[in-house]
C-alpha atoms as a PDB file:
ATOM      1  CA  MET A   1     -28.647  16.794 -53.038  1.00  0.00           C
ATOM      2  CA  THR A   2     -27.895  20.115 -54.647  1.00  0.00           C
ATOM      3  CA  PRO A   3     -26.306  19.420 -58.045  1.00  0.00           C
ATOM      4  CA  VAL A   4     -22.679  20.358 -58.523  1.00  0.00           C
ATOM      5  CA  THR A   5     -22.445  23.812 -60.056  1.00  0.00           C
ATOM      6  CA  PRO A   6     -19.571  26.182 -60.845  1.00  0.00           C
ATOM      7  CA  SER A   7     -20.234  27.950 -57.544  1.00  0.00           C
ATOM      8  CA  LEU A   8     -19.084  24.876 -55.649  1.00  0.00           C
ATOM      9  CA  ALA A   9     -15.446  23.985 -55.090  1.00  0.00           C
ATOM     10  CA  ASP A  10     -13.766  22.587 -58.186  1.00  0.00           C
ATOM     11  CA  PRO A  11     -12.702  18.960 -57.501  1.00  0.00           C
ATOM     12  CA  ARG A  12      -9.531  19.612 -59.486  1.00  0.00           C
ATOM     13  CA  SER A  13      -8.540  22.402 -57.122  1.00  0.00           C
ATOM     14  CA  SER A  14      -5.364  21.844 -55.142  1.00  0.00           C
ATOM     15  CA  ARG A  15      -7.419  22.679 -52.024  1.00  0.00           C
ATOM     16  CA  GLU A  16      -9.621  19.643 -52.357  1.00  0.00           C
ATOM     17  CA  LEU A  17      -8.521  16.181 -51.287  1.00  0.00           C
ATOM     18  CA  LEU A  18     -10.405  12.869 -51.584  1.00  0.00           C
ATOM     19  CA  SER A  19     -12.272  14.320 -54.566  1.00  0.00           C
ATOM     20  CA  ALA A  20     -12.948  10.845 -55.992  1.00  0.00           C
ATOM     21  CA  PHE A  21     -15.044  10.084 -52.893  1.00  0.00           C
ATOM     22  CA  PRO A  22     -17.698  12.833 -52.722  1.00  0.00           C
ATOM     23  CA  LEU A  23     -20.324  12.568 -50.008  1.00  0.00           C
ATOM     24  CA  PHE A  24     -22.237  15.719 -50.900  1.00  0.00           C
ATOM     25  CA  ARG A  25     -21.985  19.287 -52.173  1.00  0.00           C
ATOM     26  CA  SER A  26     -24.510  21.916 -51.236  1.00  0.00           C
ATOM     27  CA  THR A  27     -25.212  25.627 -50.879  1.00  0.00           C
ATOM     28  CA  ASP A  28     -28.209  25.119 -48.577  1.00  0.00           C
ATOM     29  CA  PRO A  29     -27.324  25.625 -44.867  1.00  0.00           C
ATOM     30  CA  GLU A  30     -30.054  23.315 -43.584  1.00  0.00           C
ATOM     31  CA  GLN A  31     -29.071  20.523 -45.952  1.00  0.00           C
ATOM     32  CA  VAL A  32     -25.417  20.972 -44.998  1.00  0.00           C
ATOM     33  CA  ARG A  33     -26.258  20.747 -41.299  1.00  0.00           C
ATOM     34  CA  THR A  34     -28.364  17.628 -41.835  1.00  0.00           C
ATOM     35  CA  GLU A  35     -25.769  15.798 -43.932  1.00  0.00           C
ATOM     36  CA  VAL A  36     -22.792  16.648 -41.716  1.00  0.00           C
ATOM     37  CA  SER A  37     -24.846  15.633 -38.654  1.00  0.00           C
ATOM     38  CA  ARG A  38     -25.365  12.191 -40.180  1.00  0.00           C
ATOM     39  CA  VAL A  39     -21.613  11.654 -40.364  1.00  0.00           C
ATOM     40  CA  PHE A  40     -20.612  13.141 -37.007  1.00  0.00           C
ATOM     41  CA  CYS A  41     -23.323  14.221 -34.560  1.00  0.00           C
ATOM     42  CA  PRO A  42     -26.277  16.631 -34.323  1.00  0.00           C
ATOM     43  CA  HIS A  43     -25.138  20.248 -34.150  1.00  0.00           C
ATOM     44  CA  GLN A  44     -26.062  23.840 -34.837  1.00  0.00           C
ATOM     45  CA  LEU A  45     -24.631  25.440 -37.973  1.00  0.00           C
ATOM     46  CA  GLU A  46     -24.922  29.201 -38.352  1.00  0.00           C
ATOM     47  CA  PRO A  47     -23.546  31.187 -41.307  1.00  0.00           C
ATOM     48  CA  VAL A  48     -21.808  34.257 -39.886  1.00  0.00           C
ATOM     49  CA  ASP A  49     -23.115  36.397 -42.746  1.00  0.00           C
ATOM     50  CA  PRO A  50     -26.372  34.947 -44.155  1.00  0.00           C
ATOM     51  CA  ARG A  51     -25.900  37.080 -47.273  1.00  0.00           C
ATOM     52  CA  ARG A  52     -22.823  35.065 -48.221  1.00  0.00           C
ATOM     53  CA  PRO A  53     -23.837  31.648 -49.610  1.00  0.00           C
ATOM     54  CA  LEU A  54     -22.231  28.433 -48.488  1.00  0.00           C
ATOM     55  CA  SER A  55     -20.229  26.370 -50.957  1.00  0.00           C
ATOM     56  CA  THR A  56     -19.881  23.180 -48.957  1.00  0.00           C
ATOM     57  CA  VAL A  57     -17.902  20.157 -50.117  1.00  0.00           C
ATOM     58  CA  HIS A  58     -17.698  16.986 -48.011  1.00  0.00           C
ATOM     59  CA  ASN A  59     -15.674  13.986 -49.195  1.00  0.00           C
ATOM     60  CA  LEU A  60     -15.296  10.824 -47.117  1.00  0.00           C
ATOM     61  CA  VAL A  61     -13.309   7.576 -47.156  1.00  0.00           C
ATOM     62  CA  LYS A  62     -14.191   4.905 -44.592  1.00  0.00           C
ATOM     63  CA  LEU A  63     -11.024   3.098 -43.579  1.00  0.00           C
ATOM     64  CA  GLY A  64     -11.513   0.324 -41.009  1.00  0.00           C
ATOM     65  CA  GLU A  65     -12.398   1.601 -37.564  1.00  0.00           C
ATOM     66  CA  THR A  66     -11.802   5.215 -38.580  1.00  0.00           C
ATOM     67  CA  ALA A  67     -12.891   7.562 -41.360  1.00  0.00           C
ATOM     68  CA  LEU A  68     -11.011  10.276 -43.246  1.00  0.00           C
ATOM     69  CA  ASN A  69     -12.964  13.351 -44.334  1.00  0.00           C
ATOM     70  CA  PHE A  70     -12.327  16.463 -46.392  1.00  0.00           C
ATOM     71  CA  LEU A  71     -14.666  19.323 -45.480  1.00  0.00           C
ATOM     72  CA  THR A  72     -14.971  22.973 -46.453  1.00  0.00           C
ATOM     73  CA  TYR A  73     -17.971  25.277 -45.985  1.00  0.00           C
ATOM     74  CA  GLY A  74     -16.952  28.062 -48.380  1.00  0.00           C
ATOM     75  CA  SER A  75     -18.188  30.786 -46.038  1.00  0.00           C
ATOM     76  CA  ASP A  76     -17.597  31.757 -42.407  1.00  0.00           C
ATOM     77  CA  VAL A  77     -19.705  29.545 -40.129  1.00  0.00           C
ATOM     78  CA  MET A  78     -20.288  28.949 -36.426  1.00  0.00           C
ATOM     79  CA  ILE A  79     -20.494  25.264 -35.449  1.00  0.00           C
ATOM     80  CA  LEU A  80     -21.974  24.267 -32.082  1.00  0.00           C
ATOM     81  CA  PRO A  81     -22.009  20.483 -31.603  1.00  0.00           C
ATOM     82  CA  GLY A  82     -22.159  20.417 -27.820  1.00  0.00           C
ATOM     83  CA  SER A  83     -20.067  17.363 -26.893  1.00  0.00           C
ATOM     84  CA  LEU A  84     -19.076  14.584 -29.294  1.00  0.00           C
ATOM     85  CA  ASP A  85     -19.684  11.763 -26.757  1.00  0.00           C
ATOM     86  CA  ARG A  86     -18.776   8.713 -28.884  1.00  0.00           C
ATOM     87  CA  PHE A  87     -15.701   9.831 -30.811  1.00  0.00           C
ATOM     88  CA  TYR A  88     -12.553  11.917 -30.968  1.00  0.00           C
ATOM     89  CA  LEU A  89     -12.064  14.177 -33.979  1.00  0.00           C
ATOM     90  CA  VAL A  90      -8.791  15.464 -35.418  1.00  0.00           C
ATOM     91  CA  GLN A  91      -9.260  18.629 -37.498  1.00  0.00           C
ATOM     92  CA  LEU A  92      -6.247  19.518 -39.643  1.00  0.00           C
ATOM     93  CA  PRO A  93      -6.523  22.759 -41.656  1.00  0.00           C
ATOM     94  CA  LEU A  94      -5.124  22.645 -45.183  1.00  0.00           C
ATOM     95  CA  THR A  95      -6.091  26.259 -45.921  1.00  0.00           C
ATOM     96  CA  GLY A  96      -7.734  29.000 -43.907  1.00  0.00           C
ATOM     97  CA  SER A  97      -8.214  28.934 -40.150  1.00  0.00           C
ATOM     98  CA  ALA A  98     -10.661  28.059 -37.386  1.00  0.00           C
ATOM     99  CA  GLN A  99     -11.214  29.290 -33.853  1.00  0.00           C
ATOM    100  CA  VAL A 100     -11.878  26.258 -31.668  1.00  0.00           C
ATOM    101  CA  THR A 101     -12.908  26.093 -28.021  1.00  0.00           C
ATOM    102  CA  SER A 102     -13.047  22.673 -26.367  1.00  0.00           C
ATOM    103  CA  GLY A 103     -13.865  22.760 -22.676  1.00  0.00           C
ATOM    104  CA  GLN A 104     -11.639  25.451 -21.147  1.00  0.00           C
ATOM    105  CA  GLU A 105      -9.044  25.377 -23.945  1.00  0.00           C
ATOM    106  CA  SER A 106      -9.160  27.661 -26.995  1.00  0.00           C
ATOM    107  CA  VAL A 107      -6.966  27.290 -30.082  1.00  0.00           C
ATOM    108  CA  GLU A 108      -6.564  29.251 -33.309  1.00  0.00           C
ATOM    109  CA  SER A 109      -5.982  26.437 -35.777  1.00  0.00           C
ATOM    110  CA  GLY A 110      -4.385  27.022 -39.149  1.00  0.00           C
ATOM    111  CA  ALA A 111      -1.148  26.355 -40.993  1.00  0.00           C
ATOM    112  CA  CYS A 112       0.798  25.703 -37.776  1.00  0.00           C
ATOM    113  CA  SER A 113      -1.794  24.039 -35.550  1.00  0.00           C
ATOM    114  CA  ALA A 114      -4.431  21.359 -35.930  1.00  0.00           C
ATOM    115  CA  VAL A 115      -6.771  20.314 -33.104  1.00  0.00           C
ATOM    116  CA  ILE A 116      -8.041  17.124 -31.515  1.00  0.00           C
ATOM    117  CA  LEU A 117     -11.523  17.381 -30.005  1.00  0.00           C
ATOM    118  CA  ASN A 118     -12.273  15.354 -26.881  1.00  0.00           C
ATOM    119  CA  PRO A 119     -15.636  13.571 -26.576  1.00  0.00           C
ATOM    120  CA  ASP A 120     -16.637  14.829 -23.105  1.00  0.00           C
ATOM    121  CA  GLU A 121     -16.104  18.557 -23.629  1.00  0.00           C
ATOM    122  CA  ARG A 122     -18.469  21.175 -24.992  1.00  0.00           C
ATOM    123  CA  ILE A 123     -17.184  22.480 -28.301  1.00  0.00           C
ATOM    124  CA  ARG A 124     -17.618  25.773 -30.083  1.00  0.00           C
ATOM    125  CA  MET A 125     -15.993  26.548 -33.447  1.00  0.00           C
ATOM    126  CA  ARG A 126     -15.830  29.281 -36.044  1.00  0.00           C
ATOM    127  CA  TRP A 127     -14.449  28.186 -39.421  1.00  0.00           C
ATOM    128  CA  SER A 128     -13.276  30.828 -41.880  1.00  0.00           C
ATOM    129  CA  GLY A 129     -14.707  30.727 -45.386  1.00  0.00           C
ATOM    130  CA  GLU A 130     -11.275  29.736 -46.718  1.00  0.00           C
ATOM    131  CA  SER A 131     -10.928  26.862 -44.257  1.00  0.00           C
ATOM    132  CA  ALA A 132     -10.557  23.443 -45.893  1.00  0.00           C
ATOM    133  CA  GLN A 133      -9.750  20.673 -43.438  1.00  0.00           C
ATOM    134  CA  LEU A 134      -8.866  17.004 -43.182  1.00  0.00           C
ATOM    135  CA  LEU A 135     -10.890  15.366 -40.415  1.00  0.00           C
ATOM    136  CA  LEU A 136      -9.979  12.020 -38.883  1.00  0.00           C
ATOM    137  CA  TRP A 137     -12.952  10.461 -37.068  1.00  0.00           C
ATOM    138  CA  ILE A 138     -11.843   7.970 -34.386  1.00  0.00           C
ATOM    139  CA  PRO A 139     -14.343   6.031 -32.253  1.00  0.00           C
ATOM    140  CA  ARG A 140     -13.838   6.613 -28.552  1.00  0.00           C
ATOM    141  CA  ARG A 141     -13.639   2.874 -27.918  1.00  0.00           C
ATOM    142  CA  SER A 142     -10.783   2.526 -30.428  1.00  0.00           C
ATOM    143  CA  ILE A 143      -8.567   5.019 -28.612  1.00  0.00           C
ATOM    144  CA  GLU A 144      -9.549   3.819 -25.139  1.00  0.00           C
ATOM    145  CA  ARG A 145      -8.831   0.183 -26.044  1.00  0.00           C
ATOM    146  CA  ARG A 146      -5.340   1.042 -27.229  1.00  0.00           C
ATOM    147  CA  MET A 147      -4.752   3.246 -24.206  1.00  0.00           C
ATOM    148  CA  THR A 148      -5.610   0.288 -21.969  1.00  0.00           C
ATOM    149  CA  GLU A 149      -3.235  -1.922 -23.969  1.00  0.00           C
ATOM    150  CA  VAL A 150      -0.405   0.596 -23.674  1.00  0.00           C
ATOM    151  CA  LEU A 151      -0.897   1.145 -19.939  1.00  0.00           C
ATOM    152  CA  GLY A 152      -1.299  -2.565 -19.299  1.00  0.00           C
ATOM    153  CA  GLU A 153      -4.318  -1.825 -17.121  1.00  0.00           C
ATOM    154  CA  GLY A 154      -7.631  -0.014 -17.199  1.00  0.00           C
ATOM    155  CA  PHE A 155      -8.157   3.644 -16.341  1.00  0.00           C
ATOM    156  CA  LYS A 156     -10.997   5.420 -14.580  1.00  0.00           C
ATOM    157  CA  GLN A 157     -10.829   9.065 -15.623  1.00  0.00           C
ATOM    158  CA  PRO A 158     -11.645  10.008 -19.238  1.00  0.00           C
ATOM    159  CA  LEU A 159      -8.707  10.201 -21.606  1.00  0.00           C
ATOM    160  CA  ARG A 160      -8.316  13.877 -22.458  1.00  0.00           C
ATOM    161  CA  PHE A 161      -5.854  15.111 -25.076  1.00  0.00           C
ATOM    162  CA  SER A 162      -4.402  18.608 -25.213  1.00  0.00           C
ATOM    163  CA  VAL A 163      -6.499  20.273 -27.894  1.00  0.00           C
ATOM    164  CA  GLU A 164      -3.711  21.916 -29.902  1.00  0.00           C
ATOM    165  CA  LEU A 165      -1.941  19.505 -32.264  1.00  0.00           C
ATOM    166  CA  ARG A 166       1.176  21.144 -33.696  1.00  0.00           C
ATOM    167  CA  GLN A 167       1.486  20.738 -37.468  1.00  0.00           C
ATOM    168  CA  THR A 168       4.948  22.157 -38.071  1.00  0.00           C
ATOM    169  CA  SER A 169       6.962  21.558 -34.898  1.00  0.00           C
ATOM    170  CA  GLY A 170       7.356  19.080 -32.085  1.00  0.00           C
ATOM    171  CA  MET A 171       6.585  15.384 -31.962  1.00  0.00           C
ATOM    172  CA  THR A 172       3.210  15.649 -33.698  1.00  0.00           C
ATOM    173  CA  SER A 173       4.465  17.321 -36.889  1.00  0.00           C
ATOM    174  CA  ALA A 174       5.389  13.931 -38.385  1.00  0.00           C
ATOM    175  CA  TRP A 175       1.953  12.586 -37.414  1.00  0.00           C
ATOM    176  CA  CYS A 176       0.210  15.475 -39.199  1.00  0.00           C
ATOM    177  CA  THR A 177       2.373  14.906 -42.267  1.00  0.00           C
ATOM    178  CA  MET A 178       1.424  11.222 -42.217  1.00  0.00           C
ATOM    179  CA  LEU A 179      -2.288  12.108 -42.223  1.00  0.00           C
ATOM    180  CA  LYS A 180      -1.885  14.461 -45.188  1.00  0.00           C
ATOM    181  CA  ASP A 181       0.232  11.872 -46.998  1.00  0.00           C
ATOM    182  CA  LEU A 182      -2.542   9.326 -46.465  1.00  0.00           C
ATOM    183  CA  ALA A 183      -5.078  11.582 -48.188  1.00  0.00           C
ATOM    184  CA  ARG A 184      -2.712  12.318 -51.067  1.00  0.00           C
ATOM    185  CA  ASN A 185      -1.868   8.629 -51.412  1.00  0.00           C
ATOM    186  CA  ILE A 186      -5.588   7.857 -51.719  1.00  0.00           C
ATOM    187  CA  ASP A 187      -5.949  10.567 -54.363  1.00  0.00           C
ATOM    188  CA  GLU A 188      -2.983   9.263 -56.353  1.00  0.00           C
ATOM    189  CA  ASN A 189      -3.372   5.497 -55.927  1.00  0.00           C
ATOM    190  CA  GLY A 190      -6.989   4.875 -54.959  1.00  0.00           C
ATOM    191  CA  VAL A 191      -8.247   2.586 -52.218  1.00  0.00           C
ATOM    192  CA  ASP A 192      -7.622  -0.920 -53.539  1.00  0.00           C
ATOM    193  CA  TRP A 193      -5.444  -1.482 -50.488  1.00  0.00           C
ATOM    194  CA  LEU A 194      -8.528  -1.214 -48.252  1.00  0.00           C
ATOM    195  CA  ARG A 195      -9.396  -4.772 -49.366  1.00  0.00           C
ATOM    196  CA  PHE A 196      -6.300  -6.022 -47.545  1.00  0.00           C
ATOM    197  CA  ARG A 197      -6.950  -6.067 -43.811  1.00  0.00           C
ATOM    198  CA  PRO A 198      -3.251  -6.165 -42.743  1.00  0.00           C
ATOM    199  CA  ALA A 199      -2.625  -2.903 -44.597  1.00  0.00           C
ATOM    200  CA  VAL A 200      -5.646  -1.178 -43.041  1.00  0.00           C
ATOM    201  CA  SER A 201      -5.018  -2.347 -39.479  1.00  0.00           C
ATOM    202  CA  ALA A 202      -1.323  -1.400 -39.668  1.00  0.00           C
ATOM    203  CA  LEU A 203      -2.241   2.102 -40.796  1.00  0.00           C
ATOM    204  CA  GLU A 204      -4.944   2.701 -38.192  1.00  0.00           C
ATOM    205  CA  ASP A 205      -2.833   1.273 -35.384  1.00  0.00           C
ATOM    206  CA  CYS A 206      -0.011   3.610 -36.375  1.00  0.00           C
ATOM    207  CA  LEU A 207      -2.329   6.636 -36.445  1.00  0.00           C
ATOM    208  CA  ILE A 208      -4.056   5.946 -33.130  1.00  0.00           C
ATOM    209  CA  ARG A 209      -0.961   4.858 -31.213  1.00  0.00           C
ATOM    210  CA  GLY A 210       0.890   7.809 -32.692  1.00  0.00           C
ATOM    211  CA  LEU A 211      -1.570  10.143 -30.976  1.00  0.00           C
ATOM    212  CA  ILE A 212      -1.221   8.268 -27.692  1.00  0.00           C
ATOM    213  CA  TYR A 213       2.574   8.435 -27.720  1.00  0.00           C
ATOM    214  CA  GLN A 214       3.113  11.850 -29.313  1.00  0.00           C
ATOM    215  CA  GLN A 215       0.232  14.118 -28.259  1.00  0.00           C
ATOM    216  CA  PRO A 216       0.108  15.202 -24.576  1.00  0.00           C
ATOM    217  CA  HIS A 217      -2.873  13.807 -22.675  1.00  0.00           C
ATOM    218  CA  SER A 218      -4.127  13.106 -19.180  1.00  0.00           C
ATOM    219  CA  TYR A 219      -2.147   9.848 -18.893  1.00  0.00           C
ATOM    220  CA  SER A 220       1.150  11.000 -20.423  1.00  0.00           C
ATOM    221  CA  GLU A 221       2.965  10.908 -17.070  1.00  0.00           C
ATOM    222  CA  ARG A 222       2.022   7.271 -16.547  1.00  0.00           C
ATOM    223  CA  LEU A 223       3.622   6.398 -19.866  1.00  0.00           C
ATOM    224  CA  LEU A 224       6.934   7.766 -18.577  1.00  0.00           C
ATOM    225  CA  LYS A 225       7.114   5.184 -15.790  1.00  0.00           C
ATOM    226  CA  PRO A 226       9.268   2.167 -16.762  1.00  0.00           C
ATOM    227  CA  ALA A 227       7.429  -1.055 -17.509  1.00  0.00           C
ATOM    228  CA  LEU A 228       8.248  -4.370 -15.877  1.00  0.00           C
ATOM    229  CA  PRO A 229      11.209  -5.922 -17.746  1.00  0.00           C
ATOM    230  CA  ALA A 230      10.550  -8.587 -20.359  1.00  0.00           C
ATOM    231  CA  HIS A 231      12.214 -11.992 -19.991  1.00  0.00           C
ATOM    232  CA  SER A 232      14.116 -13.525 -22.902  1.00  0.00           C
ATOM    233  CA  ARG A 233      11.623 -16.376 -23.263  1.00  0.00           C
ATOM    234  CA  GLN A 234       8.774 -13.866 -23.565  1.00  0.00           C
ATOM    235  CA  LEU A 235      10.624 -11.960 -26.274  1.00  0.00           C
ATOM    236  CA  GLN A 236      11.279 -15.228 -28.093  1.00  0.00           C
ATOM    237  CA  ARG A 237       7.557 -15.960 -28.006  1.00  0.00           C
ATOM    238  CA  ALA A 238       7.004 -12.563 -29.593  1.00  0.00           C
ATOM    239  CA  LEU A 239       9.528 -13.326 -32.356  1.00  0.00           C
ATOM    240  CA  ASP A 240       7.937 -16.712 -33.007  1.00  0.00           C
ATOM    241  CA  TYR A 241       4.488 -15.144 -33.219  1.00  0.00           C
ATOM    242  CA  ILE A 242       5.645 -12.516 -35.706  1.00  0.00           C
ATOM    243  CA  GLU A 243       7.303 -15.182 -37.857  1.00  0.00           C
ATOM    244  CA  GLY A 244       4.136 -17.238 -38.003  1.00  0.00           C
ATOM    245  CA  ALA A 245       1.571 -14.470 -38.345  1.00  0.00           C
ATOM    246  CA  ALA A 246       3.317 -11.809 -40.438  1.00  0.00           C
ATOM    247  CA  LEU A 247       0.682 -11.975 -43.184  1.00  0.00           C
ATOM    248  CA  GLU A 248      -2.210 -11.696 -40.754  1.00  0.00           C
ATOM    249  CA  SER A 249      -3.828  -8.531 -39.448  1.00  0.00           C
ATOM    250  CA  ILE A 250      -1.850  -8.269 -36.207  1.00  0.00           C
ATOM    251  CA  SER A 251      -1.118  -5.341 -33.927  1.00  0.00           C
ATOM    252  CA  VAL A 252       1.503  -4.712 -31.292  1.00  0.00           C
ATOM    253  CA  ALA A 253      -1.187  -5.565 -28.727  1.00  0.00           C
ATOM    254  CA  ASP A 254      -1.671  -8.997 -30.328  1.00  0.00           C
ATOM    255  CA  ILE A 255       2.072  -9.643 -30.125  1.00  0.00           C
ATOM    256  CA  ALA A 256       2.204  -8.490 -26.504  1.00  0.00           C
ATOM    257  CA  GLN A 257      -0.736 -10.680 -25.527  1.00  0.00           C
ATOM    258  CA  TYR A 258       0.867 -13.755 -27.102  1.00  0.00           C
ATOM    259  CA  ALA A 259       4.133 -13.031 -25.277  1.00  0.00           C
ATOM    260  CA  HIS A 260       2.320 -12.457 -21.947  1.00  0.00           C
ATOM    261  CA  LEU A 261       3.619  -8.896 -21.732  1.00  0.00           C
ATOM    262  CA  SER A 262       2.225  -5.396 -21.610  1.00  0.00           C
ATOM    263  CA  VAL A 263       2.671  -3.372 -24.778  1.00  0.00           C
ATOM    264  CA  ARG A 264       5.206  -1.083 -23.106  1.00  0.00           C
ATOM    265  CA  ALA A 265       7.216  -4.006 -21.700  1.00  0.00           C
ATOM    266  CA  LEU A 266       7.283  -5.574 -25.161  1.00  0.00           C
ATOM    267  CA  GLU A 267       8.391  -2.333 -26.809  1.00  0.00           C
ATOM    268  CA  GLU A 268      11.060  -1.632 -24.193  1.00  0.00           C
ATOM    269  CA  GLY A 269      12.311  -5.219 -24.466  1.00  0.00           C
ATOM    270  CA  PHE A 270      12.635  -4.986 -28.238  1.00  0.00           C
ATOM    271  CA  ARG A 271      14.475  -1.671 -27.996  1.00  0.00           C
ATOM    272  CA  LYS A 272      16.884  -3.037 -25.395  1.00  0.00           C
ATOM    273  CA  HIS A 273      17.590  -6.445 -26.958  1.00  0.00           C
ATOM    274  CA  TYR A 274      17.059  -5.906 -30.698  1.00  0.00           C
ATOM    275  CA  GLY A 275      17.494  -2.167 -31.196  1.00  0.00           C
ATOM    276  CA  THR A 276      14.126  -1.813 -32.916  1.00  0.00           C
ATOM    277  CA  THR A 277      10.384  -1.849 -32.242  1.00  0.00           C
ATOM    278  CA  PRO A 278       8.038  -4.829 -32.601  1.00  0.00           C
ATOM    279  CA  MET A 279       6.267  -3.223 -35.554  1.00  0.00           C
ATOM    280  CA  ASN A 280       9.523  -2.389 -37.339  1.00  0.00           C
ATOM    281  CA  TYR A 281      10.597  -5.996 -36.822  1.00  0.00           C
ATOM    282  CA  LEU A 282       7.256  -7.131 -38.248  1.00  0.00           C
ATOM    283  CA  ARG A 283       7.727  -4.812 -41.213  1.00  0.00           C
ATOM    284  CA  GLY A 284      11.106  -6.388 -41.925  1.00  0.00           C
ATOM    285  CA  LYS A 285       9.608  -9.880 -41.913  1.00  0.00           C
ATOM    286  CA  ARG A 286       6.823  -8.733 -44.219  1.00  0.00           C
ATOM    287  CA  LEU A 287       9.394  -7.282 -46.616  1.00  0.00           C
ATOM    288  CA  ASP A 288      11.287 -10.586 -46.616  1.00  0.00           C
ATOM    289  CA  GLN A 289       8.080 -12.458 -47.365  1.00  0.00           C
ATOM    290  CA  ALA A 290       7.128  -9.931 -50.041  1.00  0.00           C
ATOM    291  CA  ARG A 291      10.467 -10.590 -51.746  1.00  0.00           C
ATOM    292  CA  SER A 292       9.801 -14.346 -51.673  1.00  0.00           C
ATOM    293  CA  ALA A 293       6.354 -13.752 -53.183  1.00  0.00           C
ATOM    294  CA  ILE A 294       7.775 -11.533 -55.948  1.00  0.00           C
ATOM    295  CA  VAL A 295      10.336 -14.205 -56.874  1.00  0.00           C
ATOM    296  CA  ALA A 296       7.792 -17.039 -56.763  1.00  0.00           C
ATOM    297  CA  ASN A 297       5.266 -15.108 -58.852  1.00  0.00           C
ATOM    298  CA  ALA A 298       7.875 -14.133 -61.430  1.00  0.00           C
ATOM    299  CA  LEU A 299       8.982 -17.743 -61.836  1.00  0.00           C
ATOM    300  CA  ALA A 300       5.394 -19.012 -62.041  1.00  0.00           C
ATOM    301  CA  GLY A 301       4.177 -16.257 -64.352  1.00  0.00           C
ATOM    302  CA  SER A 302       1.516 -15.257 -61.817  1.00  0.00           C
ATOM    303  CA  PRO A 303      -0.740 -12.309 -62.761  1.00  0.00           C
ATOM    304  CA  GLU A 304      -0.478 -10.901 -59.224  1.00  0.00           C
ATOM    305  CA  THR A 305       1.208  -7.504 -59.443  1.00  0.00           C
ATOM    306  CA  ILE A 306       3.878  -6.060 -57.174  1.00  0.00           C
ATOM    307  CA  THR A 307       1.262  -3.561 -55.994  1.00  0.00           C
ATOM    308  CA  GLU A 308      -1.052  -6.375 -54.914  1.00  0.00           C
ATOM    309  CA  ILE A 309       1.835  -8.141 -53.185  1.00  0.00           C
ATOM    310  CA  ALA A 310       2.611  -4.949 -51.268  1.00  0.00           C
ATOM    311  CA  PHE A 311      -1.009  -4.545 -50.154  1.00  0.00           C
ATOM    312  CA  ARG A 312      -1.272  -8.224 -49.190  1.00  0.00           C
ATOM    313  CA  HIS A 313       1.820  -7.877 -47.022  1.00  0.00           C
ATOM    314  CA  GLY A 314       0.446  -4.962 -45.024  1.00  0.00           C
ATOM    315  CA  PHE A 315       1.683  -1.912 -46.968  1.00  0.00           C
ATOM    316  CA  ASN A 316      -0.747   0.802 -48.069  1.00  0.00           C
ATOM    317  CA  HIS A 317       1.699   3.375 -49.483  1.00  0.00           C
ATOM    318  CA  LEU A 318       3.555   2.174 -52.569  1.00  0.00           C
ATOM    319  CA  GLY A 319       6.257   4.824 -52.366  1.00  0.00           C
ATOM    320  CA  ARG A 320       7.111   3.863 -48.807  1.00  0.00           C
ATOM    321  CA  PHE A 321       6.958   0.163 -49.667  1.00  0.00           C
ATOM    322  CA  ALA A 322       9.509   0.688 -52.438  1.00  0.00           C
ATOM    323  CA  ALA A 323      11.771   2.707 -50.119  1.00  0.00           C
ATOM    324  CA  TYR A 324      11.561   0.178 -47.281  1.00  0.00           C
ATOM    325  CA  TYR A 325      12.122  -2.658 -49.745  1.00  0.00           C
ATOM    326  CA  ARG A 326      15.253  -1.090 -51.233  1.00  0.00           C
ATOM    327  CA  GLU A 327      16.628  -0.326 -47.784  1.00  0.00           C
ATOM    328  CA  ARG A 328      16.217  -3.933 -46.600  1.00  0.00           C
ATOM    329  CA  ILE A 329      16.679  -5.971 -49.789  1.00  0.00           C
ATOM    330  CA  GLY A 330      19.148  -3.714 -51.586  1.00  0.00           C
ATOM    331  CA  GLU A 331      17.205  -3.414 -54.829  1.00  0.00           C
ATOM    332  CA  SER A 332      13.787  -2.361 -56.090  1.00  0.00           C
ATOM    333  CA  PRO A 333      10.874  -4.833 -56.209  1.00  0.00           C
ATOM    334  CA  SER A 334      10.913  -4.737 -60.020  1.00  0.00           C
ATOM    335  CA  ASP A 335      14.644  -5.513 -60.010  1.00  0.00           C
ATOM    336  CA  THR A 336      13.890  -8.571 -57.874  1.00  0.00           C
ATOM    337  CA  ALA A 337      11.261  -9.742 -60.370  1.00  0.00           C
ATOM    338  CA  ARG A 338      13.573  -9.242 -63.354  1.00  0.00           C
ATOM    339  CA  ALA A 339      16.456 -11.042 -61.666  1.00  0.00           C
ATOM    340  CA  ALA A 340      14.222 -14.004 -60.838  1.00  0.00           C
ATOM    341  CA  ILE A 341      13.512 -14.742 -64.507  1.00  0.00           C
ATOM    342  CA  GLY A 342      16.998 -13.946 -65.717  1.00  0.00           C
END
């Protein structure tokens, strides 16, 4: 690897995220192409102006099924990967811009628009030298499995998303904010929570299902058709399962399977009968159990911290955990601990 020099992006720069997890830094175009190919797929990389050196920074955090990347080239480049084949790739610009063509669709990505690249389409990109992007790598099988779960049946034609992913308007703006918040949360609080499978699976399920529900795709119209109604006994099975498995790594698909329902029938049943979603109901039960753990640990003098309790109960973002906890319990987690010991 080329050693880090002042010519490379400063890890303290506000542009750079995931700086505690460097994969490589390099000014050599061939080395950059080789290293980025190892993470994603073989591709051509062509500096637009060979007289302007690259200043590439690539940081990476492997989550569970997915991986979060920060990448900047530091000079205008053309990127020609052909098709991705095995994965979808979200590219969210933090600074600068990129011209992206995927199949027949072209997008100018930047402050207002991210992109999602489909695996079966030929891709051509030009990144500006100022472009620094968050990239979410999602295996094709991970999205297709959840799509099958949501539809309640298999599908024959490839799942194709609209390429443009709006950052600042529409349904996907909150999703884009969530992805940026994830990177900042990692920078501020580290990745200890990755040791706790419930926290990781909850996050990835939220990210992947968020794309399925919020980003237009080739099966969006089928999601608008009403699902078969859920019976009360099936919903009760779902409640019982959540009660007994709240601390496990469970997804909405696991709950639906136990209740003998499709995911959409389960979600529509919860909205109709309980005014919430299965995952929000699960979150409430996890908060209740987190409170019990905080009280028990305070009384026993356990060394387990509130942070560890939050991670163990499926929360990866401490700020959100504290907000959810106060909303449901009526006090902060630390207030609960203090009250327990008088």
